[in-house]
């Protein structure tokens, strides 16, 4: 799969974007996660306005796949499905605005440390957006 060639996330122990996430899932994300985890889609996601979204655990307010016991949004955590994580997770903090222009999300505490986004990453993000737009 694609994604960033390198990120500051692991080096800095950051899991900020995995906290209170509203990450949309493509059909391929859901299928891949079902195969990898053995879980049913409703155990790790829910549907809002026709779009499947990752769930957060109530006790940590973090993604169901983030290994953490802390509610602190700055606490470290490790993604249990990192090699198979959703496309939106792979491309974050690169996001699209309403005009389909890509930019680094202001909410990411380490956005300045990211390298220039590779063209393949932008393509992945636009394909995800097109699929998500088609779901609703």
N, C-alpha and C. Protein backbone atom coordinates (compact mmCIF):
# COMPACT_ATOMS: atom_id res chain seq x y z
N UNK A 1 0.84 -1.18 0.00
CA UNK A 1 0.00 0.00 0.00
C UNK A 1 0.88 1.23 0.00
N UNK A 2 0.26 2.36 -0.19
CA UNK A 2 0.99 3.62 -0.27
C UNK A 2 1.20 4.24 1.08
N UNK A 3 1.07 5.53 1.12
CA UNK A 3 1.29 6.25 2.36
C UNK A 3 2.51 7.13 2.26
N UNK A 4 2.84 7.74 3.35
CA UNK A 4 4.01 8.61 3.42
C UNK A 4 5.27 7.76 3.41
N UNK A 5 6.35 8.23 2.75
CA UNK A 5 7.60 7.48 2.79
C UNK A 5 8.18 7.45 4.21
N UNK A 6 7.96 8.49 4.97
CA UNK A 6 8.35 8.54 6.38
C UNK A 6 7.47 9.56 7.07
N UNK A 7 7.26 9.36 8.36
CA UNK A 7 6.43 10.30 9.12
C UNK A 7 7.05 10.51 10.49
N UNK A 8 6.75 11.62 11.13
CA UNK A 8 7.25 11.85 12.48
C UNK A 8 6.42 11.13 13.55
N UNK A 9 5.29 10.55 13.17
CA UNK A 9 4.35 9.98 14.14
C UNK A 9 4.98 8.93 15.05
N UNK A 10 5.57 7.92 14.46
CA UNK A 10 6.14 6.83 15.25
C UNK A 10 7.35 7.32 16.04
N UNK A 11 8.21 8.08 15.38
CA UNK A 11 9.40 8.60 16.05
C UNK A 11 9.04 9.41 17.29
N UNK A 12 7.97 10.19 17.21
CA UNK A 12 7.57 11.05 18.32
C UNK A 12 6.53 10.39 19.24
N UNK A 13 6.14 9.15 18.92
CA UNK A 13 5.16 8.46 19.75
C UNK A 13 3.80 9.13 19.73
N UNK A 14 3.46 9.75 18.61
CA UNK A 14 2.23 10.52 18.52
C UNK A 14 1.07 9.67 17.99
N UNK A 15 -0.05 9.76 18.66
CA UNK A 15 -1.27 9.09 18.19
C UNK A 15 -2.44 10.07 18.26
N UNK A 16 -2.14 11.35 18.19
CA UNK A 16 -3.15 12.40 18.31
C UNK A 16 -4.29 12.21 17.31
N UNK A 17 -3.96 11.87 16.07
CA UNK A 17 -5.00 11.74 15.03
C UNK A 17 -5.88 10.51 15.24
N UNK A 18 -5.46 9.61 16.13
CA UNK A 18 -6.24 8.40 16.42
C UNK A 18 -7.23 8.62 17.56
N UNK A 19 -7.24 9.83 18.09
CA UNK A 19 -8.11 10.16 19.23
C UNK A 19 -9.35 10.87 18.71
N UNK A 20 -10.50 10.43 19.15
CA UNK A 20 -11.78 11.00 18.72
C UNK A 20 -11.84 11.10 17.20
N UNK A 21 -11.40 10.05 16.55
CA UNK A 21 -11.34 10.04 15.09
C UNK A 21 -12.72 9.94 14.46
N UNK A 22 -12.84 10.49 13.30
CA UNK A 22 -14.05 10.38 12.48
C UNK A 22 -13.63 9.91 11.09
N UNK A 23 -12.73 8.94 11.07
CA UNK A 23 -12.12 8.48 9.83
C UNK A 23 -13.09 7.66 8.98
N UNK A 24 -13.36 8.15 7.74
CA UNK A 24 -14.22 7.37 6.84
C UNK A 24 -13.47 6.16 6.29
N UNK A 25 -14.21 5.12 6.01
CA UNK A 25 -13.63 3.88 5.49
C UNK A 25 -14.15 3.59 4.10
N UNK A 26 -13.25 3.19 3.23
CA UNK A 26 -13.66 2.72 1.91
C UNK A 26 -14.13 1.27 2.05
N UNK A 27 -14.76 0.76 1.01
CA UNK A 27 -15.18 -0.64 1.02
C UNK A 27 -13.97 -1.55 1.13
N UNK A 28 -12.87 -1.19 0.45
CA UNK A 28 -11.66 -2.01 0.52
C UNK A 28 -11.04 -1.95 1.92
N UNK A 29 -11.14 -0.79 2.60
CA UNK A 29 -10.66 -0.69 3.99
C UNK A 29 -11.43 -1.68 4.86
N UNK A 30 -12.75 -1.66 4.74
CA UNK A 30 -13.60 -2.53 5.56
C UNK A 30 -13.28 -4.00 5.28
N UNK A 31 -13.20 -4.37 4.01
CA UNK A 31 -12.90 -5.76 3.65
C UNK A 31 -11.55 -6.19 4.20
N UNK A 32 -10.55 -5.35 4.05
CA UNK A 32 -9.19 -5.65 4.53
C UNK A 32 -9.19 -5.82 6.06
N UNK A 33 -9.88 -4.93 6.77
CA UNK A 33 -9.91 -5.01 8.23
C UNK A 33 -10.67 -6.24 8.72
N UNK A 34 -11.72 -6.63 8.02
CA UNK A 34 -12.46 -7.84 8.37
C UNK A 34 -11.54 -9.06 8.24
N UNK A 35 -10.80 -9.14 7.13
CA UNK A 35 -9.90 -10.27 6.91
C UNK A 35 -8.78 -10.30 7.94
N UNK A 36 -8.16 -9.16 8.19
CA UNK A 36 -7.01 -9.08 9.09
C UNK A 36 -7.41 -9.33 10.55
N UNK A 37 -8.53 -8.78 10.97
CA UNK A 37 -8.91 -8.85 12.39
C UNK A 37 -9.87 -9.98 12.72
N UNK A 38 -10.63 -10.46 11.72
CA UNK A 38 -11.66 -11.46 11.98
C UNK A 38 -12.91 -10.86 12.60
N UNK A 39 -12.96 -9.54 12.67
CA UNK A 39 -14.11 -8.84 13.26
C UNK A 39 -15.16 -8.51 12.21
N UNK A 40 -16.40 -8.40 12.65
CA UNK A 40 -17.47 -7.93 11.79
C UNK A 40 -17.36 -6.41 11.68
N UNK A 41 -17.75 -5.81 10.54
CA UNK A 41 -17.64 -4.36 10.36
C UNK A 41 -18.28 -3.53 11.47
N UNK A 42 -19.42 -3.99 12.01
CA UNK A 42 -20.09 -3.21 13.06
C UNK A 42 -19.36 -3.21 14.39
N UNK A 43 -18.34 -4.06 14.54
CA UNK A 43 -17.58 -4.06 15.79
C UNK A 43 -16.44 -3.05 15.76
N UNK A 44 -16.11 -2.53 14.58
CA UNK A 44 -15.05 -1.51 14.50
C UNK A 44 -15.48 -0.25 13.76
N UNK A 45 -16.73 -0.22 13.31
CA UNK A 45 -17.19 0.96 12.57
C UNK A 45 -18.71 1.08 12.66
N UNK A 46 -19.20 2.25 12.27
CA UNK A 46 -20.64 2.48 12.20
C UNK A 46 -20.91 3.35 10.98
N UNK A 47 -22.17 3.41 10.58
CA UNK A 47 -22.55 4.15 9.38
C UNK A 47 -23.24 5.45 9.80
N UNK A 48 -22.74 6.56 9.26
CA UNK A 48 -23.35 7.87 9.48
C UNK A 48 -23.59 8.49 8.10
N UNK A 49 -24.84 8.83 7.81
CA UNK A 49 -25.21 9.42 6.52
C UNK A 49 -24.68 8.61 5.34
N UNK A 50 -24.74 7.29 5.46
CA UNK A 50 -24.34 6.41 4.37
C UNK A 50 -22.85 6.16 4.26
N UNK A 51 -22.05 6.71 5.18
CA UNK A 51 -20.60 6.53 5.14
C UNK A 51 -20.16 5.76 6.38
N UNK A 52 -19.36 4.71 6.16
CA UNK A 52 -18.85 3.92 7.27
C UNK A 52 -17.67 4.64 7.89
N UNK A 53 -17.70 4.78 9.23
CA UNK A 53 -16.72 5.54 10.00
C UNK A 53 -16.13 4.65 11.09
N UNK A 54 -14.82 4.77 11.34
CA UNK A 54 -14.18 4.03 12.42
C UNK A 54 -14.81 4.39 13.76
N UNK A 55 -14.92 3.41 14.63
CA UNK A 55 -15.41 3.64 15.98
C UNK A 55 -14.27 4.03 16.92
N UNK A 56 -14.63 4.74 17.97
CA UNK A 56 -13.72 5.05 19.06
C UNK A 56 -14.19 4.27 20.29
N UNK A 57 -13.24 3.78 21.09
CA UNK A 57 -13.61 3.10 22.33
C UNK A 57 -14.08 4.14 23.34
N UNK A 58 -15.17 3.86 24.01
CA UNK A 58 -15.74 4.82 24.95
C UNK A 58 -14.80 5.12 26.12
N UNK A 59 -14.04 4.12 26.56
CA UNK A 59 -13.18 4.33 27.73
C UNK A 59 -11.93 5.16 27.42
N UNK A 60 -11.48 5.20 26.17
CA UNK A 60 -10.27 5.97 25.83
C UNK A 60 -10.54 7.10 24.84
N UNK A 61 -11.70 7.08 24.22
CA UNK A 61 -12.02 8.06 23.16
C UNK A 61 -11.02 7.96 22.01
N UNK A 62 -10.45 6.78 21.82
CA UNK A 62 -9.47 6.54 20.77
C UNK A 62 -10.00 5.47 19.81
N UNK A 63 -9.46 5.46 18.63
CA UNK A 63 -9.81 4.45 17.63
C UNK A 63 -9.76 3.05 18.25
N UNK A 64 -10.69 2.22 17.84
CA UNK A 64 -10.75 0.86 18.38
C UNK A 64 -9.48 0.07 18.10
N UNK A 65 -8.70 0.47 17.13
CA UNK A 65 -7.48 -0.24 16.80
C UNK A 65 -6.23 0.35 17.45
N UNK A 66 -6.40 1.40 18.24
CA UNK A 66 -5.25 2.00 18.92
C UNK A 66 -5.04 1.31 20.26
N UNK A 67 -3.87 0.71 20.44
CA UNK A 67 -3.53 0.09 21.71
C UNK A 67 -3.10 1.18 22.69
N UNK A 68 -4.02 1.55 23.57
CA UNK A 68 -3.76 2.54 24.60
C UNK A 68 -4.77 2.35 25.72
N UNK A 69 -4.37 2.74 26.91
CA UNK A 69 -5.30 2.71 28.05
C UNK A 69 -5.63 4.11 28.51
N UNK A 70 -5.15 5.12 27.79
CA UNK A 70 -5.27 6.50 28.24
C UNK A 70 -6.28 7.29 27.44
N UNK A 71 -7.00 8.17 28.14
CA UNK A 71 -7.90 9.12 27.49
C UNK A 71 -7.14 10.36 27.04
N UNK A 72 -5.94 10.56 27.56
CA UNK A 72 -5.14 11.74 27.24
C UNK A 72 -4.84 11.75 25.74
N UNK A 73 -5.26 12.80 25.05
CA UNK A 73 -5.06 12.84 23.59
C UNK A 73 -3.60 12.98 23.20
N UNK A 74 -2.73 13.28 24.14
CA UNK A 74 -1.29 13.35 23.86
C UNK A 74 -0.54 12.10 24.32
N UNK A 75 -1.26 11.13 24.86
CA UNK A 75 -0.63 9.89 25.31
C UNK A 75 -0.20 9.06 24.10
N UNK A 76 0.86 8.30 24.25
CA UNK A 76 1.27 7.44 23.13
C UNK A 76 0.29 6.29 22.94
N UNK A 77 0.34 5.71 21.79
CA UNK A 77 -0.48 4.56 21.47
C UNK A 77 0.06 3.94 20.19
N UNK A 78 -0.19 2.68 20.00
CA UNK A 78 0.30 1.96 18.82
C UNK A 78 -0.90 1.41 18.06
N UNK A 79 -0.90 1.60 16.76
CA UNK A 79 -1.97 1.08 15.91
C UNK A 79 -1.80 -0.43 15.75
N UNK A 80 -2.81 -1.17 16.13
CA UNK A 80 -2.74 -2.63 16.05
C UNK A 80 -2.92 -3.17 14.63
N UNK A 81 -3.33 -2.30 13.71
CA UNK A 81 -3.50 -2.72 12.31
C UNK A 81 -2.65 -1.85 11.38
N UNK A 82 -1.56 -1.32 11.91
CA UNK A 82 -0.77 -0.31 11.20
C UNK A 82 -0.46 -0.69 9.74
N UNK A 83 -0.01 -1.87 9.50
CA UNK A 83 0.34 -2.29 8.13
C UNK A 83 -0.89 -2.40 7.23
N UNK A 84 -2.07 -2.44 7.81
CA UNK A 84 -3.31 -2.61 7.06
C UNK A 84 -4.30 -1.49 7.33
N UNK A 85 -3.82 -0.38 7.90
CA UNK A 85 -4.70 0.71 8.32
C UNK A 85 -5.44 1.32 7.13
N UNK A 86 -6.56 1.97 7.41
CA UNK A 86 -7.36 2.57 6.34
C UNK A 86 -6.59 3.61 5.52
N UNK A 87 -7.04 3.81 4.30
CA UNK A 87 -6.40 4.75 3.38
C UNK A 87 -6.33 6.16 3.99
N UNK A 88 -7.40 6.58 4.64
CA UNK A 88 -7.40 7.91 5.25
C UNK A 88 -6.35 8.03 6.34
N UNK A 89 -6.09 6.95 7.05
CA UNK A 89 -5.05 6.95 8.08
C UNK A 89 -3.66 7.00 7.42
N UNK A 90 -3.52 6.30 6.31
CA UNK A 90 -2.24 6.30 5.59
C UNK A 90 -1.90 7.68 5.04
N UNK A 91 -2.90 8.41 4.63
CA UNK A 91 -2.66 9.70 3.99
C UNK A 91 -2.63 10.87 4.97
N UNK A 92 -3.18 10.69 6.16
CA UNK A 92 -3.23 11.78 7.13
C UNK A 92 -1.81 12.21 7.51
N UNK A 93 -1.56 13.50 7.65
CA UNK A 93 -2.45 14.65 7.78
C UNK A 93 -2.83 15.32 6.46
N UNK A 94 -2.54 14.68 5.33
CA UNK A 94 -2.97 15.23 4.04
C UNK A 94 -4.47 15.02 3.92
N UNK A 95 -5.20 16.11 3.73
CA UNK A 95 -6.65 16.05 3.59
C UNK A 95 -7.06 16.95 2.43
N UNK A 96 -8.31 16.86 2.03
CA UNK A 96 -8.83 17.68 0.93
C UNK A 96 -9.81 18.71 1.46
N UNK A 97 -9.78 19.89 0.87
CA UNK A 97 -10.80 20.89 1.21
C UNK A 97 -11.99 20.70 0.27
N UNK A 98 -12.97 21.57 0.35
CA UNK A 98 -14.19 21.44 -0.45
C UNK A 98 -13.94 21.56 -1.95
N UNK A 99 -12.82 22.16 -2.33
CA UNK A 99 -12.48 22.32 -3.75
C UNK A 99 -11.53 21.21 -4.22
N UNK A 100 -11.36 20.14 -3.42
CA UNK A 100 -10.48 19.01 -3.74
C UNK A 100 -9.01 19.40 -3.77
N UNK A 101 -8.65 20.46 -3.06
CA UNK A 101 -7.26 20.86 -2.95
C UNK A 101 -6.68 20.21 -1.69
N UNK A 102 -5.51 19.62 -1.83
CA UNK A 102 -4.88 18.94 -0.71
C UNK A 102 -4.08 19.91 0.15
N UNK A 103 -4.13 19.66 1.46
CA UNK A 103 -3.33 20.46 2.40
C UNK A 103 -3.11 19.62 3.65
N UNK A 104 -2.15 20.04 4.47
CA UNK A 104 -1.87 19.34 5.73
C UNK A 104 -2.78 19.90 6.82
N UNK A 105 -3.49 19.02 7.49
CA UNK A 105 -4.46 19.40 8.50
C UNK A 105 -3.80 20.18 9.64
N UNK A 106 -4.40 21.32 9.96
CA UNK A 106 -3.89 22.17 11.05
C UNK A 106 -3.95 21.46 12.40
N UNK A 107 -4.78 20.45 12.55
CA UNK A 107 -4.91 19.74 13.82
C UNK A 107 -3.72 18.83 14.12
N UNK A 108 -2.95 18.47 13.10
CA UNK A 108 -1.81 17.58 13.29
C UNK A 108 -0.69 18.35 13.98
N UNK A 109 -0.26 17.90 15.17
CA UNK A 109 0.77 18.63 15.90
C UNK A 109 2.16 18.57 15.26
N UNK A 110 2.35 17.69 14.29
CA UNK A 110 3.68 17.53 13.68
C UNK A 110 3.65 17.76 12.16
N UNK A 111 2.64 18.48 11.68
CA UNK A 111 2.47 18.65 10.23
C UNK A 111 3.71 19.26 9.56
N UNK A 112 4.44 20.14 10.27
CA UNK A 112 5.62 20.77 9.66
C UNK A 112 6.75 19.77 9.43
N UNK A 113 6.73 18.64 10.11
CA UNK A 113 7.80 17.65 10.00
C UNK A 113 7.56 16.64 8.87
N UNK A 114 6.41 16.74 8.19
CA UNK A 114 6.13 15.81 7.10
C UNK A 114 6.86 16.23 5.83
N UNK A 115 7.33 15.25 5.05
CA UNK A 115 7.96 15.59 3.77
C UNK A 115 6.88 16.01 2.77
N UNK A 116 7.30 16.40 1.60
CA UNK A 116 6.33 16.73 0.54
C UNK A 116 5.54 15.47 0.21
N UNK A 117 4.24 15.65 0.02
CA UNK A 117 3.37 14.51 -0.25
C UNK A 117 3.67 13.92 -1.62
N UNK A 118 3.91 12.61 -1.69
CA UNK A 118 4.13 11.97 -2.98
C UNK A 118 2.85 11.97 -3.82
N UNK A 119 2.97 12.08 -5.14
CA UNK A 119 1.78 12.08 -6.01
C UNK A 119 0.86 10.87 -5.79
N UNK A 120 1.44 9.70 -5.52
CA UNK A 120 0.62 8.50 -5.32
C UNK A 120 -0.28 8.65 -4.09
N UNK A 121 0.20 9.35 -3.09
CA UNK A 121 -0.59 9.57 -1.89
C UNK A 121 -1.79 10.46 -2.18
N UNK A 122 -1.56 11.49 -2.94
CA UNK A 122 -2.66 12.37 -3.33
C UNK A 122 -3.69 11.61 -4.16
N UNK A 123 -3.24 10.77 -5.05
CA UNK A 123 -4.15 9.95 -5.85
C UNK A 123 -4.98 9.03 -4.96
N UNK A 124 -4.34 8.38 -3.98
CA UNK A 124 -5.07 7.52 -3.04
C UNK A 124 -6.14 8.30 -2.30
N UNK A 125 -5.78 9.50 -1.85
CA UNK A 125 -6.72 10.32 -1.09
C UNK A 125 -7.90 10.75 -1.96
N UNK A 126 -7.64 11.12 -3.20
CA UNK A 126 -8.73 11.52 -4.10
C UNK A 126 -9.63 10.35 -4.45
N UNK A 127 -9.05 9.16 -4.59
CA UNK A 127 -9.86 7.97 -4.86
C UNK A 127 -10.74 7.63 -3.66
N UNK A 128 -10.18 7.76 -2.46
CA UNK A 128 -10.98 7.54 -1.25
C UNK A 128 -12.13 8.54 -1.20
N UNK A 129 -11.83 9.81 -1.45
CA UNK A 129 -12.86 10.84 -1.42
C UNK A 129 -13.96 10.54 -2.44
N UNK A 130 -13.59 10.13 -3.63
CA UNK A 130 -14.59 9.81 -4.66
C UNK A 130 -15.47 8.64 -4.23
N UNK A 131 -14.86 7.64 -3.62
CA UNK A 131 -15.65 6.49 -3.16
C UNK A 131 -16.58 6.91 -2.02
N UNK A 132 -16.08 7.68 -1.09
CA UNK A 132 -16.89 8.13 0.04
C UNK A 132 -18.07 8.99 -0.46
N UNK A 133 -17.79 9.88 -1.40
CA UNK A 133 -18.85 10.73 -1.95
C UNK A 133 -19.93 9.87 -2.63
N UNK A 134 -19.52 8.76 -3.23
CA UNK A 134 -20.46 7.88 -3.90
C UNK A 134 -21.28 7.03 -2.95
N UNK A 135 -20.86 6.90 -1.68
CA UNK A 135 -21.57 6.07 -0.70
C UNK A 135 -22.81 6.75 -0.15
N UNK A 136 -22.79 8.07 -0.08
CA UNK A 136 -23.91 8.74 0.59
C UNK A 136 -25.08 8.98 -0.33
